[in-house]
Amino acid sequence: MDLGPHAGFIITAFVIVAVVVALLVAWVILDHIAQKRALADLERRGITRRSNDARPSQLKEQAR
């Protein structure tokens, strides 16, 4: 496969894009872990989500 006179630029561009995508994936994974840890800490302290408090039957009664 001959990339012509611009082979260095093409290969460098692909390597940079691959590194940036890998860093973004790692960032998302690390953020996901941090968010799960923060949520577990809040639940351990007794702070729950509002959506867990209301049951569907209660929501119907509130809408009336």
N, C-alpha and C. Protein backbone atom coordinates (compact mmCIF):
# COMPACT_ATOMS: atom_id res chain seq x y z
N MET A 1 0.85 -1.17 0.00
CA MET A 1 0.00 0.00 0.00
C MET A 1 0.90 1.24 0.00
N ASP A 2 0.77 2.04 -1.01
CA ASP A 2 1.58 3.24 -1.15
C ASP A 2 0.72 4.46 -0.80
N LEU A 3 1.14 5.19 0.22
CA LEU A 3 0.39 6.37 0.64
C LEU A 3 0.92 7.64 -0.02
N GLY A 4 1.91 7.50 -0.82
CA GLY A 4 2.43 8.64 -1.55
C GLY A 4 3.34 9.51 -0.72
N PRO A 5 3.56 10.71 -1.17
CA PRO A 5 4.50 11.60 -0.50
C PRO A 5 3.99 12.11 0.86
N HIS A 6 2.73 11.91 1.14
CA HIS A 6 2.15 12.42 2.39
C HIS A 6 1.96 11.30 3.43
N ALA A 7 2.66 10.21 3.27
CA ALA A 7 2.50 9.06 4.16
C ALA A 7 2.76 9.43 5.62
N GLY A 8 3.79 10.22 5.86
CA GLY A 8 4.11 10.61 7.25
C GLY A 8 2.97 11.38 7.89
N PHE A 9 2.39 12.31 7.15
CA PHE A 9 1.27 13.09 7.67
C PHE A 9 0.06 12.21 7.93
N ILE A 10 -0.25 11.31 7.01
CA ILE A 10 -1.42 10.43 7.15
C ILE A 10 -1.26 9.52 8.36
N ILE A 11 -0.11 8.91 8.50
CA ILE A 11 0.12 8.00 9.63
C ILE A 11 0.09 8.76 10.95
N THR A 12 0.73 9.94 10.97
CA THR A 12 0.73 10.76 12.19
C THR A 12 -0.69 11.17 12.58
N ALA A 13 -1.49 11.54 11.60
CA ALA A 13 -2.88 11.94 11.88
C ALA A 13 -3.67 10.78 12.46
N PHE A 14 -3.51 9.60 11.90
CA PHE A 14 -4.23 8.44 12.42
C PHE A 14 -3.77 8.08 13.83
N VAL A 15 -2.49 8.18 14.09
CA VAL A 15 -1.98 7.88 15.44
C VAL A 15 -2.52 8.88 16.45
N ILE A 16 -2.52 10.16 16.09
CA ILE A 16 -3.03 11.18 17.01
C ILE A 16 -4.51 10.95 17.30
N VAL A 17 -5.28 10.65 16.27
CA VAL A 17 -6.71 10.39 16.47
C VAL A 17 -6.92 9.17 17.36
N ALA A 18 -6.15 8.12 17.15
CA ALA A 18 -6.27 6.91 17.97
C ALA A 18 -5.94 7.20 19.43
N VAL A 19 -4.90 8.01 19.67
CA VAL A 19 -4.53 8.36 21.04
C VAL A 19 -5.63 9.20 21.69
N VAL A 20 -6.17 10.18 20.97
CA VAL A 20 -7.22 11.03 21.52
C VAL A 20 -8.46 10.21 21.85
N VAL A 21 -8.85 9.31 20.96
CA VAL A 21 -10.04 8.47 21.22
C VAL A 21 -9.78 7.57 22.43
N ALA A 22 -8.59 6.99 22.53
CA ALA A 22 -8.27 6.14 23.68
C ALA A 22 -8.32 6.94 24.99
N LEU A 23 -7.82 8.18 24.95
CA LEU A 23 -7.87 9.02 26.15
C LEU A 23 -9.31 9.38 26.53
N LEU A 24 -10.14 9.65 25.54
CA LEU A 24 -11.55 9.95 25.83
C LEU A 24 -12.27 8.74 26.43
N VAL A 25 -12.00 7.56 25.90
CA VAL A 25 -12.61 6.35 26.45
C VAL A 25 -12.15 6.14 27.89
N ALA A 26 -10.86 6.31 28.16
CA ALA A 26 -10.35 6.16 29.52
C ALA A 26 -10.98 7.19 30.45
N TRP A 27 -11.14 8.42 29.98
CA TRP A 27 -11.74 9.48 30.79
C TRP A 27 -13.18 9.13 31.14
N VAL A 28 -13.94 8.63 30.19
CA VAL A 28 -15.33 8.27 30.44
C VAL A 28 -15.40 7.11 31.44
N ILE A 29 -14.53 6.14 31.31
CA ILE A 29 -14.53 5.00 32.23
C ILE A 29 -14.19 5.47 33.64
N LEU A 30 -13.16 6.29 33.78
CA LEU A 30 -12.78 6.79 35.10
C LEU A 30 -13.87 7.66 35.71
N ASP A 31 -14.53 8.48 34.91
CA ASP A 31 -15.63 9.31 35.40
C ASP A 31 -16.80 8.44 35.85
N HIS A 32 -17.08 7.38 35.10
CA HIS A 32 -18.16 6.46 35.47
C HIS A 32 -17.87 5.83 36.84
N ILE A 33 -16.64 5.41 37.04
CA ILE A 33 -16.25 4.83 38.34
C ILE A 33 -16.41 5.86 39.45
N ALA A 34 -15.98 7.10 39.20
CA ALA A 34 -16.10 8.15 40.21
C ALA A 34 -17.56 8.46 40.53
N GLN A 35 -18.42 8.50 39.52
CA GLN A 35 -19.83 8.78 39.74
C GLN A 35 -20.50 7.66 40.53
N LYS A 36 -20.16 6.41 40.21
CA LYS A 36 -20.72 5.29 40.97
C LYS A 36 -20.26 5.34 42.42
N ARG A 37 -19.01 5.72 42.65
CA ARG A 37 -18.49 5.83 44.02
C ARG A 37 -19.21 6.94 44.77
N ALA A 38 -19.44 8.07 44.11
CA ALA A 38 -20.14 9.20 44.75
C ALA A 38 -21.58 8.83 45.06
N LEU A 39 -22.25 8.13 44.15
CA LEU A 39 -23.62 7.71 44.38
C LEU A 39 -23.70 6.71 45.54
N ALA A 40 -22.75 5.79 45.60
CA ALA A 40 -22.73 4.82 46.70
C ALA A 40 -22.50 5.54 48.03
N ASP A 41 -21.65 6.56 48.03
CA ASP A 41 -21.41 7.32 49.26
C ASP A 41 -22.67 8.04 49.71
N LEU A 42 -23.40 8.65 48.77
CA LEU A 42 -24.65 9.32 49.13
C LEU A 42 -25.68 8.34 49.67
N GLU A 43 -25.80 7.19 49.03
CA GLU A 43 -26.76 6.18 49.50
C GLU A 43 -26.36 5.63 50.87
N ARG A 44 -25.05 5.50 51.12
CA ARG A 44 -24.58 5.01 52.42
C ARG A 44 -24.91 6.02 53.52
N ARG A 45 -24.91 7.33 53.16
CA ARG A 45 -25.24 8.36 54.14
C ARG A 45 -26.74 8.54 54.30
N GLY A 46 -27.53 7.79 53.54
CA GLY A 46 -28.97 7.84 53.68
C GLY A 46 -29.67 8.78 52.72
N ILE A 47 -28.93 9.35 51.81
CA ILE A 47 -29.53 10.24 50.82
C ILE A 47 -29.93 9.39 49.63
N THR A 48 -31.23 9.36 49.34
CA THR A 48 -31.72 8.51 48.26
C THR A 48 -32.24 9.36 47.12
N ARG A 49 -32.52 8.71 46.02
CA ARG A 49 -33.05 9.40 44.86
C ARG A 49 -34.54 9.65 45.06
N ARG A 50 -35.01 10.79 44.57
CA ARG A 50 -36.42 11.10 44.71
C ARG A 50 -37.28 10.11 43.95
N SER A 51 -36.78 9.57 42.86
CA SER A 51 -37.57 8.62 42.07
C SER A 51 -37.80 7.32 42.83
N ASN A 52 -36.96 7.01 43.80
CA ASN A 52 -37.16 5.80 44.60
C ASN A 52 -38.25 5.98 45.64
N ASP A 53 -38.55 7.22 46.03
CA ASP A 53 -39.55 7.48 47.07
C ASP A 53 -40.98 7.32 46.56
N ALA A 54 -41.23 7.74 45.35
CA ALA A 54 -42.59 7.74 44.83
C ALA A 54 -42.87 6.45 44.06
N ARG A 55 -43.97 5.82 44.43
CA ARG A 55 -44.40 4.62 43.71
C ARG A 55 -45.40 5.04 42.63
N PRO A 56 -45.55 4.25 41.58
CA PRO A 56 -46.46 4.65 40.50
C PRO A 56 -47.87 4.96 40.98
N SER A 57 -48.39 4.22 41.96
CA SER A 57 -49.74 4.50 42.45
C SER A 57 -49.81 5.87 43.14
N GLN A 58 -48.75 6.25 43.84
CA GLN A 58 -48.72 7.55 44.49
C GLN A 58 -48.66 8.67 43.45
N LEU A 59 -47.96 8.44 42.37
CA LEU A 59 -47.85 9.46 41.32
C LEU A 59 -49.22 9.70 40.68
N LYS A 60 -50.01 8.65 40.49
CA LYS A 60 -51.33 8.80 39.90
C LYS A 60 -52.23 9.62 40.84
N GLU A 61 -52.13 9.35 42.15
CA GLU A 61 -52.95 10.08 43.11
C GLU A 61 -52.56 11.55 43.16
N GLN A 62 -51.28 11.84 43.03
CA GLN A 62 -50.80 13.22 43.08
C GLN A 62 -51.26 14.00 41.85
N ALA A 63 -51.43 13.31 40.73
CA ALA A 63 -51.82 13.98 39.50
C ALA A 63 -53.28 14.40 39.54
N ARG A 64 -54.08 13.81 40.38
CA ARG A 64 -55.52 14.13 40.45
C ARG A 64 -55.76 15.44 41.11
